[in-house]
């Protein structure tokens, strides 16, 4: 047996990925990794019997190429006598609806289809083809974004029903093995474009590291991630024990023995999570931070778990400060969560609508900071959000009297239709997939094309601040508003945003 297949088999056995009689879905795109995954699973069925179903997701983004990929996978599955389903994903619609980049929307749609098919087919496992290079890319991406320890642990071999049998194999070894075995695969040309951050890491950064620093850089990064996952697992166990002492759910049930709070019949409108401060303050500083994260996670909407990715170190620091403040102080977080300092406790709740604004502390080198907007009657709030920059935000009802103030609009002050905002706002720099709405009919233009049209030098583009709602750029600071963000007679609420300071000059 070849070394690569032995590695895959060892991974399956070590992590108990597949047992006799299981029903396993394999996500197969037609690329080298997924073809290797399917071949390895086909071989593993000679060792133990299990049912196998291939699911191919056709994203509808590359025209005939996408259709050819689907036909390629179907033909291979027919030759290998493996049942295959081809599902079409509504990627662009989801990107528009949720303000995601095309890359984010495609990933979300793939996993939605895998999960729905898994429920329908009663699958025990869903196998995807992430390899060691994917692991290294993920860790570098998370490191660059300022991720927590959990993010630095990268991709897990097993995550619920999701399994990754190729996670400890190298991409070059996979392609060499397929060539030796005489197996063809498809190449997605978008994987060769550098418009996406992950592609730049894959095509430029990692190869440069392997050339200039260490030829085994990807392997070593992936191995470090494996060790960090072990550290995180240990930290989770210690936090579970501390949670039993420090955290409770009101109007729910607390499973003290497990150290986890379980909410009866879901986290309803009357529920809240509380941290008992006397017990909390006896814990080590690292465990206190983990308890704060645990409370936020318990309070998060199950349907909006992606919002937890917006909880960063700055938000945890805000909560640490809140724990030492007077009663009545509050802090609002991404994902519609509010924390309130009460007598002897911190209470975490979901709030409806906008309930306050908090700007991140100034930190040189930050590429984004979140704005959670104030109630209409709270008045303006000001804070530092990037080094050298202050921002003032005020949410107002749109009235005839208000319109006269629009004449005061300046280069770094804008009045924006709050009604059009779909998610938490970010003040950030550019990302792949960013766009503006450029006319009343809803026509879109890539931010990249807009910056080129304005003849903004390439070396200046990454420094331009953007007020973003997902990938929709509401305001290119110092330049223009998106048409969709402009105040009209139908606008009910108006957000006034003003930036000041040396950092925007």
Protein backbone atom coordinates (compact mmCIF):
# COMPACT_ATOMS: atom_id res chain seq x y z
CA UNK A 1 0.00 0.00 0.00
CA UNK A 2 1.34 3.47 -0.90
CA UNK A 3 2.45 5.80 1.89
CA UNK A 4 -0.24 8.40 1.13
CA UNK A 5 -3.09 5.89 1.36
CA UNK A 6 -1.55 4.46 4.53
CA UNK A 7 -1.54 7.97 6.03
CA UNK A 8 -5.20 8.45 5.13
CA UNK A 9 -6.18 5.06 6.56
CA UNK A 10 -4.22 5.77 9.75
CA UNK A 11 -6.02 9.14 10.13
CA UNK A 12 -9.42 7.50 9.68
CA UNK A 13 -8.65 4.87 12.31
CA UNK A 14 -6.91 7.15 14.82
CA UNK A 15 -9.79 9.61 14.91
CA UNK A 16 -12.54 6.95 14.57
CA UNK A 17 -13.86 8.71 11.49
CA UNK A 18 -15.60 5.76 9.87
CA UNK A 19 -16.96 2.60 11.52
CA UNK A 20 -18.58 -0.48 10.04
CA UNK A 21 -22.03 0.14 8.56
CA UNK A 22 -21.87 3.94 8.60
CA UNK A 23 -23.38 6.13 5.89
CA UNK A 24 -20.74 8.57 4.58
CA UNK A 25 -21.18 11.54 2.25
CA UNK A 26 -18.09 12.67 0.31
CA UNK A 27 -17.98 16.24 -0.97
CA UNK A 28 -16.31 15.96 -4.38
CA UNK A 29 -15.60 19.06 -6.47
CA UNK A 30 -13.51 17.29 -9.10
CA UNK A 31 -10.26 18.88 -7.94
CA UNK A 32 -7.19 16.81 -7.09
CA UNK A 33 -7.86 16.77 -3.33
CA UNK A 34 -11.45 15.59 -3.63
CA UNK A 35 -10.63 12.95 -6.24
CA UNK A 36 -7.94 11.61 -3.91
CA UNK A 37 -10.45 11.62 -1.04
CA UNK A 38 -12.97 9.65 -3.08
CA UNK A 39 -10.34 7.16 -4.25
CA UNK A 40 -9.11 6.64 -0.66
CA UNK A 41 -12.65 6.10 0.65
CA UNK A 42 -13.30 3.65 -2.19
CA UNK A 43 -10.17 1.74 -1.14
CA UNK A 44 -11.09 1.87 2.54
CA UNK A 45 -14.39 0.13 1.78
CA UNK A 46 -12.30 -2.94 1.03
CA UNK A 47 -11.27 -2.96 4.71
CA UNK A 48 -14.67 -2.30 6.29
CA UNK A 49 -18.14 -2.08 4.74
CA UNK A 50 -19.87 1.32 4.76
CA UNK A 51 -22.24 3.17 2.46
CA UNK A 52 -20.87 6.02 0.34
CA UNK A 53 -22.66 8.87 -1.44
CA UNK A 54 -20.93 11.59 -3.47
CA UNK A 55 -22.32 15.12 -3.40
CA UNK A 56 -21.05 17.62 -5.95
CA UNK A 57 -22.03 21.28 -5.51
CA UNK A 58 -22.33 23.26 -8.74
CA UNK A 59 -21.89 26.90 -7.77
CA UNK A 60 -23.00 28.39 -11.09
CA UNK A 61 -20.10 30.86 -11.09
CA UNK A 62 -17.95 29.69 -14.00
CA UNK A 63 -20.50 28.92 -16.69
CA UNK A 64 -19.67 25.89 -18.82
CA UNK A 65 -16.58 25.09 -16.73
CA UNK A 66 -18.79 24.46 -13.69
CA UNK A 67 -21.08 22.22 -15.72
CA UNK A 68 -18.08 20.32 -17.09
CA UNK A 69 -16.82 19.76 -13.52
CA UNK A 70 -20.19 18.28 -12.56
CA UNK A 71 -20.20 16.02 -15.63
CA UNK A 72 -16.65 14.87 -14.83
CA UNK A 73 -17.61 13.87 -11.28
CA UNK A 74 -20.78 12.11 -12.45
CA UNK A 75 -18.84 10.12 -15.06
CA UNK A 76 -16.18 9.04 -12.55
CA UNK A 77 -18.81 7.98 -10.01
CA UNK A 78 -20.62 5.95 -12.68
CA UNK A 79 -17.36 4.17 -13.54
CA UNK A 80 -16.69 3.42 -9.87
CA UNK A 81 -20.32 2.50 -9.20
CA UNK A 82 -20.76 5.10 -6.47
CA UNK A 83 -24.07 7.00 -6.28
CA UNK A 84 -23.71 10.72 -6.99
CA UNK A 85 -25.89 13.77 -6.49
CA UNK A 86 -25.27 17.13 -8.16
CA UNK A 87 -26.76 20.08 -6.30
CA UNK A 88 -26.92 23.68 -7.53
CA UNK A 89 -26.00 26.46 -5.11
CA UNK A 90 -27.47 29.97 -5.16
CA UNK A 91 -24.15 31.66 -4.38
CA UNK A 92 -24.65 35.15 -5.80
CA UNK A 93 -28.13 35.40 -4.29
CA UNK A 94 -26.82 34.48 -0.85
CA UNK A 95 -23.89 36.89 -1.18
CA UNK A 96 -26.29 39.74 -2.02
CA UNK A 97 -28.82 38.78 0.62
CA UNK A 98 -26.35 38.45 3.50
CA UNK A 99 -23.69 40.92 2.41
CA UNK A 100 -21.04 38.21 1.99
CA UNK A 101 -18.18 37.96 -0.46
CA UNK A 102 -18.65 35.40 -3.22
CA UNK A 103 -16.00 33.23 -1.56
CA UNK A 104 -17.81 33.29 1.80
CA UNK A 105 -21.20 32.66 0.21
CA UNK A 106 -19.89 29.71 -1.82
CA UNK A 107 -18.48 28.07 1.28
CA UNK A 108 -21.68 28.66 3.25
CA UNK A 109 -23.78 27.18 0.44
CA UNK A 110 -21.57 24.10 0.15
CA UNK A 111 -21.91 23.26 3.81
CA UNK A 112 -25.63 24.01 3.79
CA UNK A 113 -26.09 21.50 0.97
CA UNK A 114 -23.86 18.92 2.67
CA UNK A 115 -25.82 19.25 5.92
CA UNK A 116 -29.25 19.14 4.26
CA UNK A 117 -28.30 16.12 2.16
CA UNK A 118 -26.86 14.50 5.27
CA UNK A 119 -30.12 14.91 7.15
CA UNK A 120 -32.16 13.61 4.21
CA UNK A 121 -29.87 10.60 3.64
CA UNK A 122 -29.36 9.98 7.39
CA UNK A 123 -25.59 10.30 7.00
CA UNK A 124 -23.30 9.49 9.91
CA UNK A 125 -20.33 11.39 8.45
CA UNK A 126 -19.60 14.08 5.86
CA UNK A 127 -16.08 13.81 4.41
CA UNK A 128 -14.35 16.85 2.89
CA UNK A 129 -10.91 17.07 1.31
CA UNK A 130 -8.91 19.60 3.34
CA UNK A 131 -5.20 18.75 3.34
CA UNK A 132 -2.12 19.85 5.30
CA UNK A 133 -1.54 22.86 3.03
CA UNK A 134 -5.10 24.01 3.68
CA UNK A 135 -4.31 23.71 7.37
CA UNK A 136 -1.20 25.90 7.07
CA UNK A 137 -3.11 28.50 5.02
CA UNK A 138 -5.89 28.61 7.61
CA UNK A 139 -3.47 29.09 10.50
CA UNK A 140 -1.59 31.90 8.72
CA UNK A 141 -4.87 33.58 7.76
CA UNK A 142 -6.15 33.38 11.34
CA UNK A 143 -2.82 34.57 12.72
CA UNK A 144 -2.84 37.61 10.42
CA UNK A 145 -6.39 38.45 11.46
CA UNK A 146 -5.50 38.40 15.16
CA UNK A 147 -7.26 35.15 15.95
CA UNK A 148 -7.63 33.50 19.34
CA UNK A 149 -5.85 30.30 20.36
CA UNK A 150 -8.79 28.34 18.94
CA UNK A 151 -8.24 29.92 15.52
CA UNK A 152 -4.51 29.14 15.63
CA UNK A 153 -5.44 25.48 16.10
CA UNK A 154 -6.81 25.63 12.57
CA UNK A 155 -8.96 22.90 11.08
CA UNK A 156 -9.95 19.91 13.23
CA UNK A 157 -9.78 16.37 11.79
CA UNK A 158 -13.26 15.68 13.19
CA UNK A 159 -15.88 18.35 13.84
CA UNK A 160 -19.27 16.89 14.64
CA UNK A 161 -20.21 14.78 11.61
CA UNK A 162 -17.56 16.49 9.48
CA UNK A 163 -14.40 14.45 8.85
CA UNK A 164 -11.17 15.35 7.02
CA UNK A 165 -9.23 12.15 6.19
CA UNK A 166 -6.62 14.02 4.07
CA UNK A 167 -5.71 16.59 6.71
CA UNK A 168 -2.23 15.13 7.30
CA UNK A 169 -1.32 14.74 3.62
CA UNK A 170 0.54 17.25 1.45
CA UNK A 171 -1.02 18.76 -1.69
CA UNK A 172 2.05 17.95 -3.81
CA UNK A 173 1.98 14.35 -2.61
CA UNK A 174 -1.71 14.12 -3.49
CA UNK A 175 -1.13 15.29 -7.07
CA UNK A 176 1.91 13.03 -7.46
CA UNK A 177 -0.12 10.06 -6.22
CA UNK A 178 -2.97 10.74 -8.65
CA UNK A 179 -0.54 11.01 -11.54
CA UNK A 180 1.09 7.72 -10.56
CA UNK A 181 -2.34 6.07 -10.30
CA UNK A 182 -3.40 7.48 -13.68
CA UNK A 183 -6.27 9.48 -12.22
CA UNK A 184 -7.39 12.78 -13.76
CA UNK A 185 -8.80 15.81 -11.96
CA UNK A 186 -10.25 19.20 -12.77
CA UNK A 187 -8.60 22.55 -12.04
CA UNK A 188 -10.77 25.45 -10.88
CA UNK A 189 -9.20 28.54 -12.47
CA UNK A 190 -10.47 30.76 -9.64
CA UNK A 191 -8.01 28.93 -7.36
CA UNK A 192 -5.23 30.45 -9.48
CA UNK A 193 -6.47 34.03 -9.12
CA UNK A 194 -5.04 36.27 -6.38
CA UNK A 195 -8.21 38.32 -5.80
CA UNK A 196 -8.99 36.20 -2.73
CA UNK A 197 -6.91 36.42 0.45
CA UNK A 198 -6.68 32.64 0.85
CA UNK A 199 -5.37 32.33 -2.71
CA UNK A 200 -2.67 34.92 -2.05
CA UNK A 201 -1.52 32.91 0.96
CA UNK A 202 -1.58 29.71 -1.10
CA UNK A 203 0.06 31.06 -4.25
CA UNK A 204 2.46 33.66 -2.88
CA UNK A 205 3.09 33.70 0.86
CA UNK A 206 3.53 29.99 1.64
CA UNK A 207 5.68 29.24 -1.44
CA UNK A 208 7.88 32.20 -0.52
CA UNK A 209 8.23 30.92 3.05
CA UNK A 210 9.13 27.46 1.80
CA UNK A 211 11.67 28.93 -0.61
CA UNK A 212 13.34 31.48 1.69
CA UNK A 213 12.81 30.10 5.21
CA UNK A 214 12.19 26.36 5.32
CA UNK A 215 11.07 23.89 2.69
CA UNK A 216 8.92 22.19 5.35
CA UNK A 217 7.18 25.42 6.45
CA UNK A 218 3.66 24.14 5.66
CA UNK A 219 4.27 20.89 7.53
CA UNK A 220 5.67 22.69 10.58
CA UNK A 221 2.80 25.19 10.70
CA UNK A 222 0.27 22.34 10.48
CA UNK A 223 2.09 20.41 13.23
CA UNK A 224 2.08 23.51 15.45
CA UNK A 225 -1.68 23.78 14.88
CA UNK A 226 -2.08 20.17 16.02
CA UNK A 227 -0.26 20.95 19.27
CA UNK A 228 -2.28 24.12 19.82
CA UNK A 229 -5.54 22.17 19.40
CA UNK A 230 -4.36 19.97 22.27
CA UNK A 231 -3.75 23.06 24.39
CA UNK A 232 -7.19 24.40 23.50
CA UNK A 233 -8.84 21.10 24.39
CA UNK A 234 -7.19 21.20 27.80
CA UNK A 235 -8.24 24.82 28.26
CA UNK A 236 -11.82 23.87 27.35
CA UNK A 237 -11.89 21.18 30.04
CA UNK A 238 -10.61 23.60 32.69
CA UNK A 239 -13.12 26.22 31.53
CA UNK A 240 -15.94 23.67 31.76
CA UNK A 241 -15.09 23.13 35.42
CA UNK A 242 -14.90 26.89 36.06
CA UNK A 243 -18.20 27.46 34.25
CA UNK A 244 -19.93 25.20 36.75
CA UNK A 245 -18.78 27.54 39.50
CA UNK A 246 -19.25 30.86 37.70
CA UNK A 247 -21.95 30.69 35.01
CA UNK A 248 -25.68 30.14 35.16
CA UNK A 249 -28.60 30.55 32.76
CA UNK A 250 -31.67 32.24 34.15
CA UNK A 251 -35.04 30.92 32.97
CA UNK A 252 -33.18 27.79 31.86
CA UNK A 253 -31.43 24.81 33.39
CA UNK A 254 -27.80 24.65 34.47
CA UNK A 255 -25.99 21.32 34.15
CA UNK A 256 -23.51 21.95 36.99
CA UNK A 257 -21.91 18.51 36.77
CA UNK A 258 -20.85 19.03 33.17
CA UNK A 259 -19.89 22.64 33.75
CA UNK A 260 -22.03 23.64 30.76
CA UNK A 261 -25.23 25.66 30.79
CA UNK A 262 -28.10 24.01 28.96
CA UNK A 263 -31.12 26.10 28.04
CA UNK A 264 -34.46 24.32 28.09
CA UNK A 265 -36.27 24.51 24.73
CA UNK A 266 -33.70 26.93 23.29
CA UNK A 267 -32.52 30.35 24.43
CA UNK A 268 -35.85 32.19 24.58
CA UNK A 269 -36.64 35.90 24.90
CA UNK A 270 -36.74 35.72 28.70
CA UNK A 271 -33.38 33.96 29.09
CA UNK A 272 -30.08 35.50 30.09
CA UNK A 273 -26.63 34.22 30.97
CA UNK A 274 -25.03 35.46 34.18
CA UNK A 275 -21.46 35.33 35.44
CA UNK A 276 -21.16 35.33 39.23
CA UNK A 277 -18.39 37.87 39.79
CA UNK A 278 -17.21 36.69 43.20
CA UNK A 279 -16.39 33.24 41.83
CA UNK A 280 -15.24 34.65 38.47
CA UNK A 281 -12.61 36.88 40.07
CA UNK A 282 -11.02 33.91 41.86
CA UNK A 283 -10.10 32.31 38.53
CA UNK A 284 -6.83 32.79 36.64
CA UNK A 285 -6.83 35.66 34.12
CA UNK A 286 -6.79 33.27 31.13
CA UNK A 287 -9.76 31.30 32.48
CA UNK A 288 -11.67 34.54 33.14
CA UNK A 289 -11.30 35.41 29.47
CA UNK A 290 -12.53 31.98 28.46
CA UNK A 291 -15.54 32.35 30.76
CA UNK A 292 -16.46 35.62 29.09
CA UNK A 293 -16.27 33.94 25.68
CA UNK A 294 -18.38 31.05 26.99
CA UNK A 295 -21.07 33.45 28.23
CA UNK A 296 -21.21 35.19 24.85
CA UNK A 297 -21.42 31.86 23.05
CA UNK A 298 -24.26 30.65 25.25
CA UNK A 299 -26.16 33.86 24.58
CA UNK A 300 -25.63 33.87 20.81
CA UNK A 301 -28.51 33.17 18.46
CA UNK A 302 -28.26 29.59 17.17
CA UNK A 303 -29.24 30.86 13.72
CA UNK A 304 -26.49 33.49 13.75
CA UNK A 305 -23.50 31.58 15.11
CA UNK A 306 -21.36 33.18 12.41
CA UNK A 307 -21.65 36.40 14.39
CA UNK A 308 -19.32 34.88 17.01
CA UNK A 309 -16.43 35.31 14.58
CA UNK A 310 -16.78 39.08 15.13
CA UNK A 311 -16.02 38.72 18.85
CA UNK A 312 -12.34 39.62 19.15
CA UNK A 313 -9.80 40.41 21.85
CA UNK A 314 -10.96 44.01 22.00
CA UNK A 315 -14.49 42.90 22.96
CA UNK A 316 -13.20 40.56 25.67
CA UNK A 317 -11.11 43.43 27.05
CA UNK A 318 -14.24 45.61 27.11
CA UNK A 319 -16.05 42.91 29.13
CA UNK A 320 -13.12 42.62 31.55
CA UNK A 321 -13.36 46.36 32.15
CA UNK A 322 -17.14 46.12 32.57
CA UNK A 323 -16.72 43.54 35.35
CA UNK A 324 -14.88 46.20 37.40
CA UNK A 325 -17.35 49.02 36.71
CA UNK A 326 -20.31 50.29 38.73
CA UNK A 327 -23.75 48.72 38.47
CA UNK A 328 -25.80 49.90 35.51
CA UNK A 329 -22.92 50.10 33.04
CA UNK A 330 -23.41 48.16 29.84
CA UNK A 331 -21.50 46.98 26.79
CA UNK A 332 -22.93 46.02 23.39
CA UNK A 333 -21.33 43.31 21.27
CA UNK A 334 -21.56 42.02 17.70
CA UNK A 335 -24.35 39.54 17.08
CA UNK A 336 -27.00 41.52 18.97
CA UNK A 337 -25.65 40.69 22.45
CA UNK A 338 -25.66 43.11 25.39
CA UNK A 339 -23.76 42.73 28.70
CA UNK A 340 -24.91 44.65 31.80
CA UNK A 341 -23.09 45.09 35.12
CA UNK A 342 -25.52 44.29 37.94
CA UNK A 343 -25.08 43.64 41.65
CA UNK A 344 -22.55 40.84 41.91
CA UNK A 345 -23.01 39.63 38.33
CA UNK A 346 -22.49 40.31 34.65
CA UNK A 347 -25.71 39.62 32.75
CA UNK A 348 -25.61 38.73 29.03
CA UNK A 349 -28.75 39.15 26.92
CA UNK A 350 -29.77 39.41 23.33
CA UNK A 351 -31.01 42.89 22.50
CA UNK A 352 -33.51 43.71 19.82
CA UNK A 353 -32.39 46.28 17.29
CA UNK A 354 -29.60 48.77 17.98
CA UNK A 355 -28.91 49.39 21.62
CA UNK A 356 -25.72 51.35 21.92
CA UNK A 357 -22.37 51.96 20.29
CA UNK A 358 -18.89 51.09 21.39
CA UNK A 359 -15.74 51.89 19.44
CA UNK A 360 -12.68 49.69 19.65
CA UNK A 361 -9.65 51.17 21.37
CA UNK A 362 -7.00 52.61 19.09
CA UNK A 363 -4.48 50.01 18.03
CA UNK A 364 -1.89 50.64 15.35
CA UNK A 365 -2.11 48.14 12.52
CA UNK A 366 -5.79 47.16 12.98
CA UNK A 367 -7.57 46.57 9.67
CA UNK A 368 -11.15 46.74 10.98
CA UNK A 369 -13.30 47.70 13.93
CA UNK A 370 -17.01 47.14 14.52
CA UNK A 371 -19.68 49.74 15.16
CA UNK A 372 -22.80 48.75 17.07
CA UNK A 373 -25.14 51.64 16.68
CA UNK A 374 -26.91 53.79 19.31
CA UNK A 375 -30.62 54.15 20.03
CA UNK A 376 -32.25 57.23 18.56
CA UNK A 377 -32.55 58.91 21.96
CA UNK A 378 -29.03 58.19 23.17
CA UNK A 379 -27.49 61.09 21.27
CA UNK A 380 -24.08 61.03 19.60
CA UNK A 381 -21.31 58.81 20.91
CA UNK A 382 -17.64 59.28 20.18
CA UNK A 383 -14.64 57.04 20.53
CA UNK A 384 -11.28 56.19 19.05
CA UNK A 385 -11.40 53.37 16.58
CA UNK A 386 -8.05 53.38 14.76
CA UNK A 387 -4.79 55.01 15.82
CA UNK A 388 -5.12 58.75 15.18
CA UNK A 389 -8.80 58.57 14.23
CA UNK A 390 -11.95 59.32 16.19
CA UNK A 391 -15.45 58.56 14.96
CA UNK A 392 -18.76 60.05 16.04
CA UNK A 393 -22.00 58.22 15.22
CA UNK A 394 -25.51 59.45 15.83
CA UNK A 395 -28.76 57.73 14.88
CA UNK A 396 -31.71 60.05 14.21
CA UNK A 397 -35.26 59.86 12.94
CA UNK A 398 -35.66 61.26 9.44
CA UNK A 399 -37.79 64.42 9.62
CA UNK A 400 -38.25 67.44 7.31
CA UNK A 401 -36.32 69.54 9.84
CA UNK A 402 -33.36 67.18 9.61
CA UNK A 403 -32.86 67.68 5.88
CA UNK A 404 -31.39 71.16 6.27
CA UNK A 405 -28.46 69.67 8.12
CA UNK A 406 -27.53 67.56 5.11
CA UNK A 407 -26.03 70.76 3.69
CA UNK A 408 -23.40 70.53 6.42
CA UNK A 409 -22.07 67.31 4.92
CA UNK A 410 -18.30 67.43 4.55
CA UNK A 411 -15.60 65.17 3.14
CA UNK A 412 -15.38 63.14 6.35
CA UNK A 413 -18.99 63.51 7.52
CA UNK A 414 -21.82 61.56 5.88
CA UNK A 415 -25.54 61.02 6.45
CA UNK A 416 -26.46 57.42 5.70
CA UNK A 417 -29.78 55.60 5.38
CA UNK A 418 -29.76 53.29 8.40
CA UNK A 419 -32.75 51.36 6.98
CA UNK A 420 -30.55 49.70 4.34
CA UNK A 421 -28.03 48.22 6.80
CA UNK A 422 -28.29 44.43 7.04
CA UNK A 423 -25.63 43.55 9.64
CA UNK A 424 -23.07 45.07 12.00
CA UNK A 425 -21.10 47.86 10.39
CA UNK A 426 -17.34 47.66 10.06
CA UNK A 427 -14.94 50.52 9.58
CA UNK A 428 -12.15 48.73 7.74
CA UNK A 429 -9.85 48.56 4.74
CA UNK A 430 -10.64 46.75 1.52
CA UNK A 431 -11.25 43.03 1.07
CA UNK A 432 -11.89 40.79 -1.95
CA UNK A 433 -15.51 40.93 -3.09
CA UNK A 434 -16.17 44.51 -1.97
CA UNK A 435 -18.58 46.48 -4.12
CA UNK A 436 -20.55 49.73 -4.36
CA UNK A 437 -24.08 50.31 -5.62
CA UNK A 438 -23.58 52.96 -8.30
CA UNK A 439 -27.07 53.81 -9.54
CA UNK A 440 -30.68 53.98 -8.42
CA UNK A 441 -31.46 50.72 -10.22
CA UNK A 442 -29.11 48.81 -7.92
CA UNK A 443 -26.23 48.37 -10.36
CA UNK A 444 -23.01 47.28 -8.70
CA UNK A 445 -19.37 48.09 -9.31
CA UNK A 446 -16.39 46.31 -7.79
CA UNK A 447 -14.56 48.52 -5.32
CA UNK A 448 -11.33 47.65 -7.13
CA UNK A 449 -12.74 49.05 -10.39
CA UNK A 450 -14.01 52.19 -8.66
CA UNK A 451 -10.58 52.91 -7.16
CA UNK A 452 -8.96 52.40 -10.56
CA UNK A 453 -11.51 54.73 -12.19
CA UNK A 454 -10.67 57.39 -9.61
CA UNK A 455 -6.99 56.98 -10.49
CA UNK A 456 -6.08 56.24 -6.88
CA UNK A 457 -2.49 54.91 -6.85
CA UNK A 458 -2.18 51.19 -6.15
CA UNK A 459 0.00 51.76 -3.07
CA UNK A 460 -2.66 54.04 -1.53
CA UNK A 461 -5.70 51.76 -1.99
CA UNK A 462 -5.06 49.51 1.00
CA UNK A 463 -5.01 52.54 3.30
CA UNK A 464 -8.43 53.92 2.36
CA UNK A 465 -11.02 53.51 5.10
CA UNK A 466 -14.39 51.98 4.22
CA UNK A 467 -17.68 51.87 6.08
CA UNK A 468 -18.87 48.38 5.22
CA UNK A 469 -22.02 46.33 5.65
CA UNK A 470 -20.62 42.90 4.79
CA UNK A 471 -19.11 43.27 1.30
CA UNK A 472 -21.35 46.23 0.51
CA UNK A 473 -19.29 49.42 0.87
CA UNK A 474 -21.63 52.15 2.13
CA UNK A 475 -18.97 54.86 2.19
CA UNK A 476 -15.51 55.10 0.67
CA UNK A 477 -14.31 57.53 3.32
CA UNK A 478 -13.28 60.81 1.76
CA UNK A 479 -14.76 59.85 -1.61
CA UNK A 480 -18.33 58.69 -2.22
CA UNK A 481 -21.41 57.03 -0.81
CA UNK A 482 -23.00 53.95 -2.26
CA UNK A 483 -26.27 54.88 -3.94
CA UNK A 484 -28.01 52.33 -1.72
CA UNK A 485 -26.80 54.20 1.39
CA UNK A 486 -28.15 57.60 0.43
CA UNK A 487 -31.00 59.15 2.41
CA UNK A 488 -34.30 59.36 0.52
CA UNK A 489 -37.83 60.49 1.36
CA UNK A 490 -38.60 56.87 2.30
CA UNK A 491 -35.73 56.69 4.81
CA UNK A 492 -37.00 56.32 8.39
CA UNK A 493 -33.71 56.50 10.32
CA UNK A 494 -30.54 58.38 9.45
CA UNK A 495 -27.05 57.58 10.69
CA UNK A 496 -24.65 60.50 10.86
CA UNK A 497 -21.01 59.37 10.83
CA UNK A 498 -18.09 61.79 11.20
CA UNK A 499 -14.39 60.95 11.25
CA UNK A 500 -11.76 63.29 12.67
CA UNK A 501 -8.07 63.10 13.48
CA UNK A 502 -4.62 63.01 11.91
CA UNK A 503 -5.08 59.41 10.84
CA UNK A 504 -7.45 60.34 7.99
CA UNK A 505 -5.44 63.18 6.50
